[in-house]
Amino acid sequence: MRSSLFAAIAAVAIASPALGSTYLAHSSFDVDHDDWRVKDTLNGNVTYFTPGWDPTGGVPTGNLAFADVTPGGYIFEAPDQFHGDFSSAVGNGGVFFDWKADMIMDGRRPAVYFWRDGVRLIGVGETGLAPGTWHHIDLVFDMSVDWKIDYGSGAQTATLTELAWVLSDVQDMNITGETWTGIQETTWLDNPTIYGRVPAPGALALLLGAGLAARRRRRD
């Protein structure tokens, strides 16, 4: 009677969305800047700033903005809720954010950086993004994304094991701010989210029903 169960599972997959998403860490910025900050590095010297917060103009409402203030480079730095063990999302989730810059130098791309024990895991968005408009960046935690890992001697392609190792103990998470050399640009950020996929309630109910039906048939 296994074929009946498999047929039921296949029917569920075709008839309804089999997967939903749950947020493991999320900032909507609808109320405030949610403890995010900007880290600016100039000649090895680090300075922290509080980004600007605007209740309107984001995706769809509140968002962060930061106008460059030094010739150094800056990133958006995540608060504690984005630290910890996210290994459950490897092969089963990812990270997304909405991002905008008023100036984007050729070759510059939005990126997310996860840190563990001084090791940096890097995921980058597309090149050639238009300035002055919001872009949705979604990077899944599997090998379909060209994840890079940097142990301090240069970035190289990450393995799935390395991806899982970093994500099992995230100690810092950053998102690109700097998009232009010099003191030029403003960058906006909205909806940074680490997510995992879970079976939708309807799919779970149908799968459970299929399993119970198969068991009854075996007993009969």
C-alpha atoms as a PDB file:
ATOM      1  CA  MET A   1       0.000   0.000   0.000  1.00  0.00           C
ATOM      2  CA  ARG A   2       3.012   2.243  -0.095  1.00  0.00           C
ATOM      3  CA  SER A   3       2.035   3.378  -3.585  1.00  0.00           C
ATOM      4  CA  SER A   4      -1.131   4.927  -2.150  1.00  0.00           C
ATOM      5  CA  LEU A   5       0.898   6.952   0.320  1.00  0.00           C
ATOM      6  CA  PHE A   6       3.357   8.060  -2.338  1.00  0.00           C
ATOM      7  CA  ALA A   7       0.510   9.022  -4.648  1.00  0.00           C
ATOM      8  CA  ALA A   8      -1.091  11.073  -1.893  1.00  0.00           C
ATOM      9  CA  ILE A   9       2.179  12.860  -1.174  1.00  0.00           C
ATOM     10  CA  ALA A  10       2.622  13.622  -4.874  1.00  0.00           C
ATOM     11  CA  ALA A  11      -0.914  14.974  -5.039  1.00  0.00           C
ATOM     12  CA  VAL A  12      -0.212  17.282  -2.109  1.00  0.00           C
ATOM     13  CA  ALA A  13       2.949  18.575  -3.771  1.00  0.00           C
ATOM     14  CA  ILE A  14       1.072  19.351  -6.983  1.00  0.00           C
ATOM     15  CA  ALA A  15      -2.181  20.648  -5.512  1.00  0.00           C
ATOM     16  CA  SER A  16      -0.846  23.002  -2.854  1.00  0.00           C
ATOM     17  CA  PRO A  17       2.335  24.874  -1.908  1.00  0.00           C
ATOM     18  CA  ALA A  18       4.362  22.312   0.014  1.00  0.00           C
ATOM     19  CA  LEU A  19       6.617  24.811   1.715  1.00  0.00           C
ATOM     20  CA  GLY A  20       6.141  28.029   3.661  1.00  0.00           C
ATOM     21  CA  SER A  21       8.713  30.106   5.489  1.00  0.00           C
ATOM     22  CA  THR A  22       9.323  30.979   9.096  1.00  0.00           C
ATOM     23  CA  TYR A  23      11.481  33.895  10.193  1.00  0.00           C
ATOM     24  CA  LEU A  24      14.432  32.885  12.364  1.00  0.00           C
ATOM     25  CA  ALA A  25      15.602  36.505  12.644  1.00  0.00           C
ATOM     26  CA  HIS A  26      13.891  39.560  11.162  1.00  0.00           C
ATOM     27  CA  SER A  27      13.871  43.361  11.306  1.00  0.00           C
ATOM     28  CA  SER A  28      10.995  45.183   9.624  1.00  0.00           C
ATOM     29  CA  PHE A  29      12.110  48.683  10.724  1.00  0.00           C
ATOM     30  CA  ASP A  30       8.444  49.638  10.940  1.00  0.00           C
ATOM     31  CA  VAL A  31       8.893  51.137  14.435  1.00  0.00           C
ATOM     32  CA  ASP A  32      12.584  52.053  14.784  1.00  0.00           C
ATOM     33  CA  HIS A  33      16.087  50.993  13.718  1.00  0.00           C
ATOM     34  CA  ASP A  34      15.830  47.796  15.816  1.00  0.00           C
ATOM     35  CA  ASP A  35      19.359  48.179  17.262  1.00  0.00           C
ATOM     36  CA  TRP A  36      21.084  48.010  13.887  1.00  0.00           C
ATOM     37  CA  ARG A  37      24.135  50.228  13.563  1.00  0.00           C
ATOM     38  CA  VAL A  38      26.658  51.294  10.945  1.00  0.00           C
ATOM     39  CA  LYS A  39      30.305  50.285  11.241  1.00  0.00           C
ATOM     40  CA  ASP A  40      32.738  52.534   9.379  1.00  0.00           C
ATOM     41  CA  THR A  41      36.391  51.542   8.978  1.00  0.00           C
ATOM     42  CA  LEU A  42      39.042  54.057   7.916  1.00  0.00           C
ATOM     43  CA  ASN A  43      42.744  53.136   7.983  1.00  0.00           C
ATOM     44  CA  GLY A  44      42.009  50.372  10.465  1.00  0.00           C
ATOM     45  CA  ASN A  45      40.093  52.663  12.814  1.00  0.00           C
ATOM     46  CA  VAL A  46      36.495  51.659  13.498  1.00  0.00           C
ATOM     47  CA  THR A  47      33.699  54.123  14.248  1.00  0.00           C
ATOM     48  CA  TYR A  48      30.058  53.244  14.922  1.00  0.00           C
ATOM     49  CA  PHE A  49      27.061  55.321  13.888  1.00  0.00           C
ATOM     50  CA  THR A  50      23.315  55.048  14.354  1.00  0.00           C
ATOM     51  CA  PRO A  51      21.678  54.895  10.916  1.00  0.00           C
ATOM     52  CA  GLY A  52      18.823  57.179  10.042  1.00  0.00           C
ATOM     53  CA  TRP A  53      15.313  55.757  10.315  1.00  0.00           C
ATOM     54  CA  ASP A  54      12.388  56.754   8.108  1.00  0.00           C
ATOM     55  CA  PRO A  55       8.849  55.445   8.810  1.00  0.00           C
ATOM     56  CA  THR A  56       7.938  55.693   5.118  1.00  0.00           C
ATOM     57  CA  GLY A  57       9.478  54.978   1.744  1.00  0.00           C
ATOM     58  CA  GLY A  58      10.711  51.448   2.439  1.00  0.00           C
ATOM     59  CA  VAL A  59       9.327  48.054   1.456  1.00  0.00           C
ATOM     60  CA  PRO A  60       6.644  48.926   2.251  1.00  0.00           C
ATOM     61  CA  THR A  61       7.155  51.376   5.148  1.00  0.00           C
ATOM     62  CA  GLY A  62       9.982  51.879   7.673  1.00  0.00           C
ATOM     63  CA  ASN A  63      13.615  51.585   6.563  1.00  0.00           C
ATOM     64  CA  LEU A  64      17.177  52.559   7.427  1.00  0.00           C
ATOM     65  CA  ALA A  65      19.382  55.028   5.581  1.00  0.00           C
ATOM     66  CA  PHE A  66      22.986  56.096   5.989  1.00  0.00           C
ATOM     67  CA  ALA A  67      24.871  58.826   4.143  1.00  0.00           C
ATOM     68  CA  ASP A  68      28.597  58.164   3.855  1.00  0.00           C
ATOM     69  CA  VAL A  69      30.700  60.326   6.203  1.00  0.00           C
ATOM     70  CA  THR A  70      34.325  59.188   5.697  1.00  0.00           C
ATOM     71  CA  PRO A  71      36.576  58.003   2.836  1.00  0.00           C
ATOM     72  CA  GLY A  72      36.580  54.566   4.493  1.00  0.00           C
ATOM     73  CA  GLY A  73      34.147  51.708   3.967  1.00  0.00           C
ATOM     74  CA  TYR A  74      30.947  51.103   5.918  1.00  0.00           C
ATOM     75  CA  ILE A  75      28.539  48.244   6.496  1.00  0.00           C
ATOM     76  CA  PHE A  76      25.214  47.773   8.289  1.00  0.00           C
ATOM     77  CA  GLU A  77      25.794  45.645  11.398  1.00  0.00           C
ATOM     78  CA  ALA A  78      23.030  43.367  12.714  1.00  0.00           C
ATOM     79  CA  PRO A  79      21.931  43.162  16.375  1.00  0.00           C
ATOM     80  CA  ASP A  80      22.029  40.114  18.644  1.00  0.00           C
ATOM     81  CA  GLN A  81      18.900  38.451  17.239  1.00  0.00           C
ATOM     82  CA  PHE A  82      20.934  37.699  14.087  1.00  0.00           C
ATOM     83  CA  HIS A  83      23.596  35.888  16.130  1.00  0.00           C
ATOM     84  CA  GLY A  84      23.465  32.210  17.067  1.00  0.00           C
ATOM     85  CA  ASP A  85      22.717  28.857  15.489  1.00  0.00           C
ATOM     86  CA  PHE A  86      20.979  29.016  12.091  1.00  0.00           C
ATOM     87  CA  SER A  87      22.236  25.652  10.827  1.00  0.00           C
ATOM     88  CA  SER A  88      18.635  24.400  10.602  1.00  0.00           C
ATOM     89  CA  ALA A  89      18.234  26.653   7.558  1.00  0.00           C
ATOM     90  CA  VAL A  90      21.113  25.073   5.605  1.00  0.00           C
ATOM     91  CA  GLY A  91      19.535  23.470   2.541  1.00  0.00           C
ATOM     92  CA  ASN A  92      16.219  24.603   3.953  1.00  0.00           C
ATOM     93  CA  GLY A  93      16.187  28.389   3.975  1.00  0.00           C
ATOM     94  CA  GLY A  94      18.313  31.460   3.402  1.00  0.00           C
ATOM     95  CA  VAL A  95      18.707  35.180   3.977  1.00  0.00           C
ATOM     96  CA  PHE A  96      17.021  38.090   2.219  1.00  0.00           C
ATOM     97  CA  PHE A  97      16.955  41.869   2.447  1.00  0.00           C
ATOM     98  CA  ASP A  98      15.778  44.894   0.486  1.00  0.00           C
ATOM     99  CA  TRP A  99      18.525  47.316  -0.482  1.00  0.00           C
ATOM    100  CA  LYS A 100      18.962  50.599  -2.346  1.00  0.00           C
ATOM    101  CA  ALA A 101      21.812  53.019  -3.094  1.00  0.00           C
ATOM    102  CA  ASP A 102      21.740  56.363  -4.868  1.00  0.00           C
ATOM    103  CA  MET A 103      25.148  55.677  -6.463  1.00  0.00           C
ATOM    104  CA  ILE A 104      26.631  52.283  -7.377  1.00  0.00           C
ATOM    105  CA  MET A 105      30.148  52.048  -8.760  1.00  0.00           C
ATOM    106  CA  ASP A 106      30.718  49.535 -11.572  1.00  0.00           C
ATOM    107  CA  GLY A 107      31.261  46.068 -10.151  1.00  0.00           C
ATOM    108  CA  ARG A 108      29.890  46.887  -6.694  1.00  0.00           C
ATOM    109  CA  ARG A 109      27.247  44.465  -5.452  1.00  0.00           C
ATOM    110  CA  PRO A 110      25.127  44.172  -2.328  1.00  0.00           C
ATOM    111  CA  ALA A 111      26.407  41.396  -0.106  1.00  0.00           C
ATOM    112  CA  VAL A 112      25.797  39.731   3.246  1.00  0.00           C
ATOM    113  CA  TYR A 113      28.607  38.619   5.546  1.00  0.00           C
ATOM    114  CA  PHE A 114      28.386  36.066   8.347  1.00  0.00           C
ATOM    115  CA  TRP A 115      31.259  35.790  10.834  1.00  0.00           C
ATOM    116  CA  ARG A 116      32.432  32.981  13.099  1.00  0.00           C
ATOM    117  CA  ASP A 117      35.757  32.928  14.974  1.00  0.00           C
ATOM    118  CA  GLY A 118      37.276  35.449  12.568  1.00  0.00           C
ATOM    119  CA  VAL A 119      36.142  33.479   9.500  1.00  0.00           C
ATOM    120  CA  ARG A 120      33.899  35.312   7.044  1.00  0.00           C
ATOM    121  CA  LEU A 121      31.162  33.709   4.895  1.00  0.00           C
ATOM    122  CA  ILE A 122      30.135  35.902   1.956  1.00  0.00           C
ATOM    123  CA  GLY A 123      27.054  35.868  -0.270  1.00  0.00           C
ATOM    124  CA  VAL A 124      26.668  38.494  -2.991  1.00  0.00           C
ATOM    125  CA  GLY A 125      23.803  39.778  -5.113  1.00  0.00           C
ATOM    126  CA  GLU A 126      23.758  40.590  -8.800  1.00  0.00           C
ATOM    127  CA  THR A 127      25.932  43.122 -10.578  1.00  0.00           C
ATOM    128  CA  GLY A 128      24.591  45.996 -12.625  1.00  0.00           C
ATOM    129  CA  LEU A 129      21.804  46.985 -10.242  1.00  0.00           C
ATOM    130  CA  ALA A 130      20.147  50.305 -11.029  1.00  0.00           C
ATOM    131  CA  PRO A 131      20.741  53.087  -8.492  1.00  0.00           C
ATOM    132  CA  GLY A 132      17.875  54.850  -6.759  1.00  0.00           C
ATOM    133  CA  THR A 133      15.511  51.876  -6.660  1.00  0.00           C
ATOM    134  CA  TRP A 134      14.845  49.068  -4.202  1.00  0.00           C
ATOM    135  CA  HIS A 135      16.287  45.630  -4.972  1.00  0.00           C
ATOM    136  CA  HIS A 136      15.258  42.399  -3.239  1.00  0.00           C
ATOM    137  CA  ILE A 137      18.270  40.178  -2.524  1.00  0.00           C
ATOM    138  CA  ASP A 138      17.516  36.537  -1.605  1.00  0.00           C
ATOM    139  CA  LEU A 139      20.386  34.096  -1.072  1.00  0.00           C
ATOM    140  CA  VAL A 140      19.541  30.503  -0.187  1.00  0.00           C
ATOM    141  CA  PHE A 141      21.782  28.459   2.082  1.00  0.00           C
ATOM    142  CA  ASP A 142      22.880  25.835  -0.424  1.00  0.00           C
ATOM    143  CA  MET A 143      25.357  25.372  -3.255  1.00  0.00           C
ATOM    144  CA  SER A 144      23.116  27.004  -5.868  1.00  0.00           C
ATOM    145  CA  VAL A 145      24.559  30.265  -4.502  1.00  0.00           C
ATOM    146  CA  ASP A 146      28.265  30.960  -4.975  1.00  0.00           C
ATOM    147  CA  TRP A 147      29.036  31.326  -1.276  1.00  0.00           C
ATOM    148  CA  LYS A 148      32.620  32.343  -0.503  1.00  0.00           C
ATOM    149  CA  ILE A 149      34.598  31.756   2.674  1.00  0.00           C
ATOM    150  CA  ASP A 150      37.564  33.791   3.852  1.00  0.00           C
ATOM    151  CA  TYR A 151      39.878  32.494   6.572  1.00  0.00           C
ATOM    152  CA  GLY A 152      41.951  35.671   6.356  1.00  0.00           C
ATOM    153  CA  SER A 153      44.000  34.930   3.263  1.00  0.00           C
ATOM    154  CA  GLY A 154      41.415  35.634   0.567  1.00  0.00           C
ATOM    155  CA  ALA A 155      37.953  34.405  -0.362  1.00  0.00           C
ATOM    156  CA  GLN A 156      37.448  30.994  -1.947  1.00  0.00           C
ATOM    157  CA  THR A 157      34.390  28.911  -2.794  1.00  0.00           C
ATOM    158  CA  ALA A 158      32.741  27.558   0.350  1.00  0.00           C
ATOM    159  CA  THR A 159      31.710  23.936   0.772  1.00  0.00           C
ATOM    160  CA  LEU A 160      28.359  22.946   2.237  1.00  0.00           C
ATOM    161  CA  THR A 161      30.213  21.807   5.368  1.00  0.00           C
ATOM    162  CA  GLU A 162      31.838  25.230   5.734  1.00  0.00           C
ATOM    163  CA  LEU A 163      28.502  26.945   5.137  1.00  0.00           C
ATOM    164  CA  ALA A 164      26.910  24.874   7.910  1.00  0.00           C
ATOM    165  CA  TRP A 165      29.879  25.432  10.244  1.00  0.00           C
ATOM    166  CA  VAL A 166      29.657  29.230  10.067  1.00  0.00           C
ATOM    167  CA  LEU A 167      25.865  29.293  10.294  1.00  0.00           C
ATOM    168  CA  SER A 168      25.862  27.022  13.356  1.00  0.00           C
ATOM    169  CA  ASP A 169      27.419  29.837  15.421  1.00  0.00           C
ATOM    170  CA  VAL A 170      26.967  33.233  13.767  1.00  0.00           C
ATOM    171  CA  GLN A 171      28.792  35.846  15.835  1.00  0.00           C
ATOM    172  CA  ASP A 172      28.195  38.808  13.544  1.00  0.00           C
ATOM    173  CA  MET A 173      26.192  39.596  10.404  1.00  0.00           C
ATOM    174  CA  ASN A 174      26.804  42.556   8.103  1.00  0.00           C
ATOM    175  CA  ILE A 175      25.198  43.933   4.943  1.00  0.00           C
ATOM    176  CA  THR A 176      26.876  46.129   2.331  1.00  0.00           C
ATOM    177  CA  GLY A 177      26.745  49.863   2.815  1.00  0.00           C
ATOM    178  CA  GLU A 178      29.664  51.290   0.838  1.00  0.00           C
ATOM    179  CA  THR A 179      28.984  51.447  -2.912  1.00  0.00           C
ATOM    180  CA  TRP A 180      31.268  54.256  -4.056  1.00  0.00           C
ATOM    181  CA  THR A 181      34.870  55.241  -3.365  1.00  0.00           C
ATOM    182  CA  GLY A 182      35.028  58.474  -1.376  1.00  0.00           C
ATOM    183  CA  ILE A 183      32.358  60.340   0.569  1.00  0.00           C
ATOM    184  CA  GLN A 184      29.554  60.189  -1.946  1.00  0.00           C
ATOM    185  CA  GLU A 185      26.664  57.793  -1.526  1.00  0.00           C
ATOM    186  CA  THR A 186      23.636  57.060   0.617  1.00  0.00           C
ATOM    187  CA  THR A 187      22.487  53.475   1.160  1.00  0.00           C
ATOM    188  CA  TRP A 188      19.102  52.220   2.374  1.00  0.00           C
ATOM    189  CA  LEU A 189      18.196  48.883   4.003  1.00  0.00           C
ATOM    190  CA  ASP A 190      14.899  47.160   4.790  1.00  0.00           C
ATOM    191  CA  ASN A 191      13.587  43.754   5.904  1.00  0.00           C
ATOM    192  CA  PRO A 192      16.818  41.850   6.662  1.00  0.00           C
ATOM    193  CA  THR A 193      15.663  38.306   7.401  1.00  0.00           C
ATOM    194  CA  ILE A 194      17.101  34.856   8.036  1.00  0.00           C
ATOM    195  CA  TYR A 195      14.415  32.307   7.242  1.00  0.00           C
ATOM    196  CA  GLY A 196      13.748  28.595   7.221  1.00  0.00           C
ATOM    197  CA  ARG A 197      11.217  26.687   5.181  1.00  0.00           C
ATOM    198  CA  VAL A 198       8.514  24.633   6.867  1.00  0.00           C
ATOM    199  CA  PRO A 199       5.650  22.537   5.456  1.00  0.00           C
ATOM    200  CA  ALA A 200       2.517  24.628   5.082  1.00  0.00           C
ATOM    201  CA  PRO A 201      -0.298  23.651   7.505  1.00  0.00           C
ATOM    202  CA  GLY A 202      -2.518  22.402   4.676  1.00  0.00           C
ATOM    203  CA  ALA A 203       0.250  20.233   3.305  1.00  0.00           C
ATOM    204  CA  LEU A 204       0.957  18.798   6.748  1.00  0.00           C
ATOM    205  CA  ALA A 205      -2.691  17.922   7.260  1.00  0.00           C
ATOM    206  CA  LEU A 206      -2.952  16.200   3.895  1.00  0.00           C
ATOM    207  CA  LEU A 207       0.264  14.260   4.442  1.00  0.00           C
ATOM    208  CA  LEU A 208      -0.917  13.146   7.874  1.00  0.00           C
ATOM    209  CA  GLY A 209      -4.248  12.077   6.418  1.00  0.00           C
ATOM    210  CA  ALA A 210      -2.520  10.146   3.656  1.00  0.00           C
ATOM    211  CA  GLY A 211      -0.341   8.370   6.195  1.00  0.00           C
ATOM    212  CA  LEU A 212      -3.314   7.389   8.365  1.00  0.00           C
ATOM    213  CA  ALA A 213      -5.241   6.148   5.335  1.00  0.00           C
ATOM    214  CA  ALA A 214      -2.309   4.010   4.244  1.00  0.00           C
ATOM    215  CA  ARG A 215      -2.012   2.492   7.716  1.00  0.00           C
ATOM    216  CA  ARG A 216      -5.723   1.628   7.766  1.00  0.00           C
ATOM    217  CA  ARG A 217      -5.405  -0.085   4.371  1.00  0.00           C
ATOM    218  CA  ARG A 218      -2.484  -2.167   5.595  1.00  0.00           C
ATOM    219  CA  ARG A 219      -4.504  -3.261   8.634  1.00  0.00           C
ATOM    220  CA  ASP A 220      -7.453  -4.181   6.431  1.00  0.00           C
END
